[in-house]
Amino acid sequence: MQVITDEKKIDEVLNRSVVMAYPTKELLKAALLSGKKLRIYNGIDPTGDLHIGHGVVLRKLRQFQDLGHEIIVLIGDFTARIGDPTDKTATRKKLSKEEVEKNALGYKKLISNILDIKSPDFKFLYNEKWTNKLKPEDLLDLTSNFTVSQLLERDMFQNRIKEGKEIYLHEFLYPVFQAYDSVVMDVDMEIGGNDQTFNMLAGRTLMRKLKNKEKFVLTTKLLTDSTGKKMGKTEGNMVNLNETPENMYGKVMSWSDELISSGFEICTDLSMSEVNNIKESLTSGKANPRDLKMKLAFEIVKIFYGEKKAQGAEENFVKTFQKKEVPEEMEEIKCEAGEMLSEVLVKNKILPSKSEWRRLVLGNGVHDLNKDNTITDQNIKVSENLTLKIGKKRFIKVIVEKK
């Protein structure tokens, strides 16, 4: 495939969902405009199921594939057995060869839903093939390119030292082995999530020292929850790529409203002008967050399963969740127009305190069933009759008394 040098397309690839480019975005853009076919890779350690975070990076790879560049997906069947220490407050459990192989089952099929794996410019590679061939003297040569202070500067290692937790030698070696992958494959560029910056830059260091070659690094944005933690296996809030369409749709619908804007940018194929319009309508309050979240869920399922199955997943969600009957009889309380809803609920002993009200609102646990949206304003005042769902099971009617 001929390399595409359309500047507008290149700008879109380099800006959307991207955090940083090393050494600079300008130098990477110049390389892409030159027409040279770059060898670009992403490494995946099979420590569990592929999830939507992997999907973000794989879709960025697809954008470069569509520009005509050579793509490598490296299955880290060796490095997975060490365990990447990134963001970990304790040493990861080492996996056996059998566990790693079991985890990798089905990876190719799922990745083929995103990348054209039949292209002559695409490869699956496995780093056990070359890493297991290293002799002790080879390892000495590799490690001599890094200093202890370089490896210790990682935040999670600093935190462990402060907390009196152990750092094991094999954890130091993880970025060294990942760096060696770049050298063996002689790549021009590596793409990964922003949390992988240290490991990817280690490869850049080794490429310069051993091959006197520039290696570009592109880091992508992470999908984080409302607490700032990245979605993934450790946090238990991931959406796996092998979910059924219905489960994938439902899990996206369970995301907090704070994820809507970043979800559209990072996880969908909508144009950035559409994404920016969605962000504006969400910020201004013109759009119902629930409606936008349904659109987000639809777009994500469509990417991995197609439009027909996305429509089916949406219909299933509406049938199963949105049309659940509200109890015919529910507790009623009365108030005057203009009263703070939090005070009304506490005064009528629906909630024990205003702090509980704040907790529920911050956790998206209060829903206005009449308007079919989530209440996010802690200081909302009652101006009309309300039908509320508080938590998972409590339904309350708030009646405004007329003077």
Protein backbone atom coordinates (compact mmCIF):
# COMPACT_ATOMS: atom_id res chain seq x y z
CA MET A 1 0.00 0.00 0.00
CA GLN A 2 1.27 3.44 -0.94
CA VAL A 3 2.01 5.78 1.98
CA ILE A 4 -0.55 8.59 2.27
CA THR A 5 0.93 12.03 2.98
CA ASP A 6 -2.28 14.05 3.17
CA GLU A 7 -1.49 16.71 5.80
CA LYS A 8 -5.07 17.01 7.04
CA LYS A 9 -5.30 13.26 7.67
CA ILE A 10 -1.92 13.21 9.38
CA ASP A 11 -2.91 16.10 11.66
CA GLU A 12 -6.07 14.24 12.67
CA VAL A 13 -4.06 11.13 13.56
CA LEU A 14 -1.44 13.09 15.51
CA ASN A 15 -3.88 15.19 17.52
CA ARG A 16 -6.91 13.12 18.35
CA SER A 17 -6.60 11.19 21.63
CA VAL A 18 -2.86 11.92 21.70
CA VAL A 19 -1.01 13.18 24.79
CA MET A 20 2.59 13.46 23.61
CA ALA A 21 4.91 12.63 20.74
CA TYR A 22 8.64 12.15 21.29
CA PRO A 23 10.98 13.74 20.45
CA THR A 24 8.39 16.24 19.13
CA LYS A 25 5.12 16.12 17.25
CA GLU A 26 6.64 18.37 14.57
CA LEU A 27 9.47 15.93 13.82
CA LEU A 28 7.06 13.00 13.70
CA LYS A 29 4.78 14.91 11.34
CA ALA A 30 7.74 15.68 9.08
CA ALA A 31 8.59 11.97 8.95
CA LEU A 32 5.02 11.10 8.03
CA LEU A 33 4.89 13.80 5.35
CA SER A 34 8.14 12.51 3.83
CA GLY A 35 6.40 9.45 2.41
CA LYS A 36 8.70 7.00 4.16
CA LYS A 37 6.96 3.82 5.30
CA LEU A 38 7.41 3.61 9.07
CA ARG A 39 7.51 0.37 11.06
CA ILE A 40 5.17 0.99 14.00
CA TYR A 41 4.36 -1.32 16.89
CA ASN A 42 2.35 -1.75 20.04
CA GLY A 43 3.11 -4.40 22.63
CA ILE A 44 0.41 -6.25 24.56
CA ASP A 45 1.21 -8.44 27.55
CA PRO A 46 -1.37 -11.26 27.78
CA THR A 47 -2.06 -10.88 31.51
CA GLY A 48 -5.85 -11.06 31.02
CA ASP A 49 -8.63 -10.16 28.60
CA LEU A 50 -8.22 -7.44 25.99
CA HIS A 51 -10.29 -4.43 27.02
CA ILE A 52 -11.38 -1.07 25.69
CA GLY A 53 -8.10 0.53 26.80
CA HIS A 54 -6.28 -1.81 24.41
CA GLY A 55 -8.90 -0.89 21.84
CA VAL A 56 -7.94 2.79 22.01
CA VAL A 57 -4.31 2.05 21.11
CA LEU A 58 -5.21 -0.59 18.50
CA ARG A 59 -7.52 1.88 16.78
CA LYS A 60 -4.70 4.44 16.70
CA LEU A 61 -2.55 1.76 15.06
CA ARG A 62 -5.33 1.26 12.50
CA GLN A 63 -5.17 4.96 11.63
CA PHE A 64 -1.48 4.60 10.83
CA GLN A 65 -2.20 1.39 8.94
CA ASP A 66 -4.72 3.30 6.81
CA LEU A 67 -1.97 5.82 6.06
CA GLY A 68 0.03 2.93 4.56
CA HIS A 69 2.56 2.19 7.31
CA GLU A 70 3.83 -1.20 8.47
CA ILE A 71 2.17 -2.40 11.68
CA ILE A 72 3.40 -4.89 14.29
CA VAL A 73 1.38 -6.15 17.22
CA LEU A 74 3.85 -7.66 19.65
CA ILE A 75 2.44 -10.25 22.03
CA GLY A 76 4.57 -10.01 25.16
CA ASP A 77 4.55 -13.69 26.05
CA PHE A 78 7.90 -13.24 27.83
CA THR A 79 7.38 -9.83 29.45
CA ALA A 80 3.92 -10.87 30.68
CA ARG A 81 5.61 -13.45 32.88
CA ILE A 82 7.58 -10.65 34.62
CA GLY A 83 4.64 -8.32 34.97
CA ASP A 84 4.78 -4.62 34.10
CA PRO A 85 5.22 -2.69 37.39
CA THR A 86 3.66 0.49 35.97
CA ASP A 87 1.28 2.09 38.53
CA LYS A 88 1.56 -0.92 40.82
CA THR A 89 1.91 -0.34 44.56
CA ALA A 90 3.04 -3.93 45.09
CA THR A 91 4.90 -6.56 43.10
CA ARG A 92 2.72 -8.28 40.51
CA LYS A 93 2.17 -12.00 40.70
CA LYS A 94 4.43 -13.74 38.21
CA LEU A 95 2.55 -15.75 35.59
CA SER A 96 3.51 -19.17 34.27
CA LYS A 97 4.06 -19.85 30.57
CA GLU A 98 0.79 -21.84 30.55
CA GLU A 99 -1.18 -18.97 32.12
CA VAL A 100 0.17 -16.51 29.57
CA GLU A 101 -0.68 -18.80 26.65
CA LYS A 102 -4.20 -19.28 27.99
CA ASN A 103 -4.70 -15.52 28.35
CA ALA A 104 -3.57 -14.94 24.76
CA LEU A 105 -6.19 -17.28 23.30
CA GLY A 106 -8.60 -15.29 21.15
CA TYR A 107 -6.38 -12.20 20.94
CA LYS A 108 -5.86 -12.51 17.20
CA LYS A 109 -9.57 -12.73 16.44
CA LEU A 110 -10.39 -9.70 18.57
CA ILE A 111 -7.53 -7.69 17.11
CA SER A 112 -8.68 -8.63 13.60
CA ASN A 113 -11.91 -6.71 14.34
CA ILE A 114 -9.81 -3.54 14.46
CA LEU A 115 -6.71 -4.10 12.31
CA ASP A 116 -6.34 -5.62 8.84
CA ILE A 117 -4.24 -8.60 9.88
CA LYS A 118 -4.23 -9.98 6.32
CA SER A 119 -2.29 -7.00 5.01
CA PRO A 120 1.26 -7.82 3.81
CA ASP A 121 2.39 -4.91 5.98
CA PHE A 122 1.03 -6.43 9.20
CA LYS A 123 2.71 -8.89 11.59
CA PHE A 124 2.03 -10.62 14.87
CA LEU A 125 5.31 -11.19 16.72
CA TYR A 126 6.15 -12.75 20.12
CA ASN A 127 9.02 -11.49 22.29
CA GLU A 128 9.76 -14.85 23.91
CA LYS A 129 11.30 -15.83 20.58
CA TRP A 130 14.30 -13.52 21.02
CA THR A 131 14.36 -12.74 24.74
CA ASN A 132 14.87 -16.38 25.73
CA LYS A 133 17.96 -16.47 23.51
CA LEU A 134 19.77 -13.83 25.57
CA LYS A 135 22.90 -15.08 27.31
CA PRO A 136 24.15 -13.69 30.65
CA GLU A 137 26.74 -11.59 28.83
CA ASP A 138 23.99 -10.19 26.56
CA LEU A 139 21.95 -9.19 29.59
CA LEU A 140 24.99 -7.49 31.10
CA ASP A 141 25.48 -5.51 27.90
CA LEU A 142 21.82 -4.47 27.83
CA THR A 143 21.60 -3.40 31.46
CA SER A 144 24.83 -1.40 31.15
CA ASN A 145 22.84 1.11 29.08
CA PHE A 146 20.65 2.08 32.05
CA THR A 147 21.36 3.43 35.52
CA VAL A 148 19.72 2.52 38.82
CA SER A 149 18.74 6.17 39.34
CA GLN A 150 16.93 6.15 35.97
CA LEU A 151 14.85 3.15 36.94
CA LEU A 152 14.23 4.34 40.49
CA GLU A 153 12.75 7.65 39.36
CA ARG A 154 9.45 5.93 38.55
CA ASP A 155 6.67 7.25 40.79
CA MET A 156 5.44 3.85 41.92
CA PHE A 157 8.94 2.84 43.02
CA GLN A 158 9.33 6.09 44.95
CA ASN A 159 5.97 5.47 46.63
CA ARG A 160 6.97 1.94 47.58
CA ILE A 161 10.20 3.18 49.13
CA LYS A 162 8.27 5.72 51.21
CA GLU A 163 5.83 3.01 52.32
CA GLY A 164 8.59 0.54 53.14
CA LYS A 165 7.53 -1.89 50.42
CA GLU A 166 9.94 -4.09 48.49
CA ILE A 167 11.11 -3.52 44.92
CA TYR A 168 12.35 -6.70 43.27
CA LEU A 169 15.16 -6.85 40.76
CA HIS A 170 13.05 -8.48 38.04
CA GLU A 171 10.76 -5.41 38.10
CA PHE A 172 13.77 -3.25 37.18
CA LEU A 173 14.39 -5.50 34.21
CA TYR A 174 10.91 -5.11 32.72
CA PRO A 175 11.60 -1.81 30.86
CA VAL A 176 15.01 -3.18 29.79
CA PHE A 177 13.39 -6.20 28.10
CA GLN A 178 10.70 -4.00 26.55
CA ALA A 179 13.41 -1.68 25.24
CA TYR A 180 15.16 -4.68 23.70
CA ASP A 181 11.99 -5.47 21.73
CA SER A 182 12.38 -2.18 19.83
CA VAL A 183 16.00 -3.00 18.97
CA VAL A 184 15.27 -6.51 17.73
CA MET A 185 12.32 -5.42 15.58
CA ASP A 186 14.23 -2.31 14.42
CA VAL A 187 11.08 -0.20 14.68
CA ASP A 188 10.64 3.45 13.79
CA MET A 189 7.89 4.12 16.28
CA GLU A 190 6.00 2.74 19.27
CA ILE A 191 2.45 3.60 20.32
CA GLY A 192 0.99 3.04 23.77
CA GLY A 193 -1.12 4.49 26.53
CA ASN A 194 0.22 7.49 28.43
CA ASP A 195 0.92 5.23 31.43
CA GLN A 196 3.50 3.38 29.30
CA THR A 197 5.66 6.46 28.61
CA PHE A 198 8.60 5.34 30.79
CA ASN A 199 8.80 1.89 29.20
CA MET A 200 8.51 3.24 25.67
CA LEU A 201 11.16 5.90 26.24
CA ALA A 202 13.50 3.20 27.56
CA GLY A 203 13.26 1.66 24.09
CA ARG A 204 14.05 5.03 22.58
CA THR A 205 17.18 5.26 24.73
CA LEU A 206 18.36 1.79 23.71
CA MET A 207 17.71 2.42 20.00
CA ARG A 208 19.92 5.51 20.10
CA LYS A 209 22.72 3.74 21.96
CA LEU A 210 22.74 0.45 20.05
CA LYS A 211 21.55 1.48 16.58
CA ASN A 212 22.14 5.24 16.54
CA LYS A 213 18.56 5.48 15.32
CA GLU A 214 15.68 7.76 16.23
CA LYS A 215 12.60 6.02 17.54
CA PHE A 216 9.37 7.98 17.74
CA VAL A 217 7.03 7.42 20.68
CA LEU A 218 3.34 8.37 20.61
CA THR A 219 1.31 8.26 23.83
CA THR A 220 -2.47 8.13 23.84
CA LYS A 221 -4.99 9.40 26.36
CA LEU A 222 -6.32 7.00 28.97
CA LEU A 223 -9.97 6.43 29.74
CA THR A 224 -10.22 7.20 33.44
CA ASP A 225 -13.13 6.96 35.85
CA SER A 226 -14.48 9.79 38.00
CA THR A 227 -11.76 9.18 40.61
CA GLY A 228 -8.97 9.58 38.05
CA LYS A 229 -8.07 5.89 38.00
CA LYS A 230 -7.57 4.34 34.59
CA MET A 231 -10.07 1.75 33.45
CA GLY A 232 -8.46 -1.65 33.38
CA LYS A 233 -8.06 -5.05 34.95
CA THR A 234 -6.73 -3.77 38.26
CA GLU A 235 -9.57 -1.33 38.91
CA GLY A 236 -12.26 -3.82 37.88
CA ASN A 237 -14.21 -1.31 35.77
CA MET A 238 -13.11 -2.34 32.30
CA VAL A 239 -15.18 -3.15 29.25
CA ASN A 240 -13.68 -6.25 27.66
CA LEU A 241 -13.47 -6.55 23.89
CA ASN A 242 -14.98 -10.05 24.11
CA GLU A 243 -18.15 -8.82 25.84
CA THR A 244 -21.43 -9.55 24.10
CA PRO A 245 -22.87 -6.48 22.35
CA GLU A 246 -25.54 -6.27 25.04
CA ASN A 247 -23.04 -6.40 27.91
CA MET A 248 -20.73 -3.91 26.21
CA TYR A 249 -23.62 -1.48 25.72
CA GLY A 250 -24.82 -1.92 29.30
CA LYS A 251 -21.34 -1.41 30.79
CA VAL A 252 -20.87 1.84 28.89
CA MET A 253 -24.27 2.99 30.19
CA SER A 254 -23.01 2.36 33.73
CA TRP A 255 -20.14 4.87 33.26
CA SER A 256 -20.38 8.14 35.15
CA ASP A 257 -21.43 11.24 33.23
CA GLU A 258 -17.88 12.61 33.57
CA LEU A 259 -16.69 9.98 31.08
CA ILE A 260 -19.03 11.00 28.25
CA SER A 261 -16.84 13.68 26.62
CA SER A 262 -13.58 11.73 26.77
CA GLY A 263 -15.40 8.55 25.72
CA PHE A 264 -16.56 10.16 22.47
CA GLU A 265 -13.06 11.46 21.69
CA ILE A 266 -11.10 8.36 22.63
CA CYS A 267 -13.45 5.48 21.87
CA THR A 268 -15.52 6.47 18.80
CA ASP A 269 -15.06 7.33 15.15
CA LEU A 270 -17.21 10.46 15.24
CA SER A 271 -15.48 13.51 13.76
CA MET A 272 -13.85 15.92 16.19
CA SER A 273 -16.34 18.61 15.15
CA GLU A 274 -19.14 16.28 16.27
CA VAL A 275 -17.27 15.45 19.46
CA ASN A 276 -16.76 19.14 20.23
CA ASN A 277 -20.47 19.83 19.66
CA ILE A 278 -21.31 17.03 22.09
CA LYS A 279 -18.91 18.46 24.68
CA GLU A 280 -20.48 21.91 24.30
CA SER A 281 -24.03 20.60 24.60
CA LEU A 282 -23.07 18.63 27.70
CA THR A 283 -21.32 21.58 29.36
CA SER A 284 -24.16 24.00 28.59
CA GLY A 285 -26.83 21.58 29.76
CA LYS A 286 -28.57 21.57 26.38
CA ALA A 287 -28.36 17.78 26.09
CA ASN A 288 -29.57 15.04 28.39
CA PRO A 289 -26.49 13.10 29.62
CA ARG A 290 -28.44 9.84 29.40
CA ASP A 291 -29.20 10.41 25.71
CA LEU A 292 -25.55 11.20 24.99
CA LYS A 293 -24.44 8.12 26.89
CA MET A 294 -26.78 5.98 24.81
CA LYS A 295 -25.24 7.44 21.67
CA LEU A 296 -21.77 6.75 23.08
CA ALA A 297 -22.66 3.14 23.90
CA PHE A 298 -24.13 2.68 20.41
CA GLU A 299 -21.02 4.09 18.68
CA ILE A 300 -18.66 1.90 20.72
CA VAL A 301 -20.61 -1.31 20.09
CA LYS A 302 -20.87 -0.41 16.39
CA ILE A 303 -17.07 -0.26 16.10
CA PHE A 304 -16.58 -3.79 17.40
CA TYR A 305 -19.78 -5.51 16.22
CA GLY A 306 -21.32 -3.43 13.44
CA GLU A 307 -24.39 -1.21 13.27
CA LYS A 308 -26.99 -3.97 13.25
CA LYS A 309 -25.79 -5.54 16.50
CA ALA A 310 -25.40 -2.10 18.05
CA GLN A 311 -29.05 -1.41 17.29
CA GLY A 312 -30.01 -4.74 18.83
CA ALA A 313 -27.98 -3.97 21.96
CA GLU A 314 -29.69 -0.60 22.30
CA GLU A 315 -33.15 -2.11 21.89
CA ASN A 316 -32.30 -4.72 24.51
CA PHE A 317 -31.13 -2.03 26.94
CA VAL A 318 -34.29 0.05 26.47
CA LYS A 319 -36.48 -3.00 26.91
CA THR A 320 -34.60 -4.34 29.92
CA PHE A 321 -33.72 -1.21 31.86
CA GLN A 322 -35.45 1.94 30.67
CA LYS A 323 -38.93 0.47 30.60
CA LYS A 324 -38.81 -1.14 34.00
CA GLU A 325 -42.07 -0.22 35.71
CA VAL A 326 -41.94 2.40 38.42
CA PRO A 327 -44.01 1.27 41.46
CA GLU A 328 -47.61 2.46 41.27
CA GLU A 329 -47.53 3.34 44.94
CA MET A 330 -44.60 5.16 46.50
CA GLU A 331 -43.92 7.39 49.44
CA GLU A 332 -45.00 11.02 48.97
CA ILE A 333 -43.63 14.09 50.71
CA LYS A 334 -44.68 17.72 50.37
CA CYS A 335 -42.74 20.97 50.21
CA GLU A 336 -42.96 24.54 49.02
CA ALA A 337 -41.58 25.76 45.72
CA GLY A 338 -38.04 27.08 46.07
CA GLU A 339 -36.96 24.81 48.92
CA MET A 340 -33.62 23.05 48.62
CA LEU A 341 -34.26 19.44 47.64
CA SER A 342 -31.55 18.24 50.05
CA GLU A 343 -33.29 19.98 52.98
CA VAL A 344 -36.69 18.59 51.97
CA LEU A 345 -35.36 15.03 51.91
CA VAL A 346 -33.54 15.38 55.24
CA LYS A 347 -36.48 17.13 56.92
CA ASN A 348 -38.83 14.31 55.87
CA LYS A 349 -36.31 11.66 57.04
CA ILE A 350 -35.85 10.28 53.54
CA LEU A 351 -32.11 10.83 54.01
CA PRO A 352 -30.24 10.97 57.32
CA SER A 353 -28.10 14.01 56.46
CA LYS A 354 -26.97 16.47 53.80
CA SER A 355 -23.63 14.66 53.62
CA GLU A 356 -25.49 11.53 52.51
CA TRP A 357 -27.24 13.65 49.88
CA ARG A 358 -23.87 14.90 48.63
CA ARG A 359 -22.52 11.35 48.51
CA LEU A 360 -25.47 10.15 46.47
CA VAL A 361 -25.32 13.06 44.02
CA LEU A 362 -21.58 12.69 43.51
CA GLY A 363 -22.11 8.98 42.93
CA ASN A 364 -24.88 9.57 40.35
CA GLY A 365 -27.35 7.92 42.71
CA VAL A 366 -30.30 10.33 42.40
CA HIS A 367 -32.49 10.23 39.29
CA ASP A 368 -35.33 12.49 38.17
CA LEU A 369 -37.68 9.96 36.56
CA ASN A 370 -39.97 12.61 35.10
CA LYS A 371 -37.13 14.09 33.06
CA ASP A 372 -35.26 10.78 32.85
CA ASN A 373 -31.92 12.23 33.90
CA THR A 374 -29.41 12.10 36.74
CA ILE A 375 -29.38 14.95 39.26
CA THR A 376 -25.87 16.39 39.45
CA ASP A 377 -26.56 19.73 41.16
CA GLN A 378 -26.18 19.40 44.93
CA ASN A 379 -27.96 22.75 45.43
CA ILE A 380 -30.98 22.05 43.26
CA LYS A 381 -34.22 23.70 44.39
CA VAL A 382 -37.68 22.22 43.97
CA SER A 383 -39.73 24.09 41.38
CA GLU A 384 -42.16 21.37 40.29
CA ASN A 385 -43.42 17.94 41.28
CA LEU A 386 -40.66 15.33 41.20
CA THR A 387 -40.53 11.54 40.97
CA LEU A 388 -37.16 10.46 42.33
CA LYS A 389 -35.27 7.24 42.36
CA ILE A 390 -32.75 7.37 45.21
CA GLY A 391 -30.13 4.67 45.18
CA LYS A 392 -31.13 1.40 43.55
CA LYS A 393 -34.54 0.70 45.06
CA ARG A 394 -36.12 3.73 46.75
CA PHE A 395 -38.76 5.75 44.92
CA ILE A 396 -40.09 9.06 46.28
CA LYS A 397 -42.66 11.57 45.02
CA VAL A 398 -42.07 15.20 45.94
CA ILE A 399 -45.27 17.26 45.69
CA VAL A 400 -45.06 21.05 45.52
CA GLU A 401 -47.90 22.57 47.54
CA LYS A 402 -49.71 25.47 45.94
CA LYS A 403 -50.21 28.53 48.10
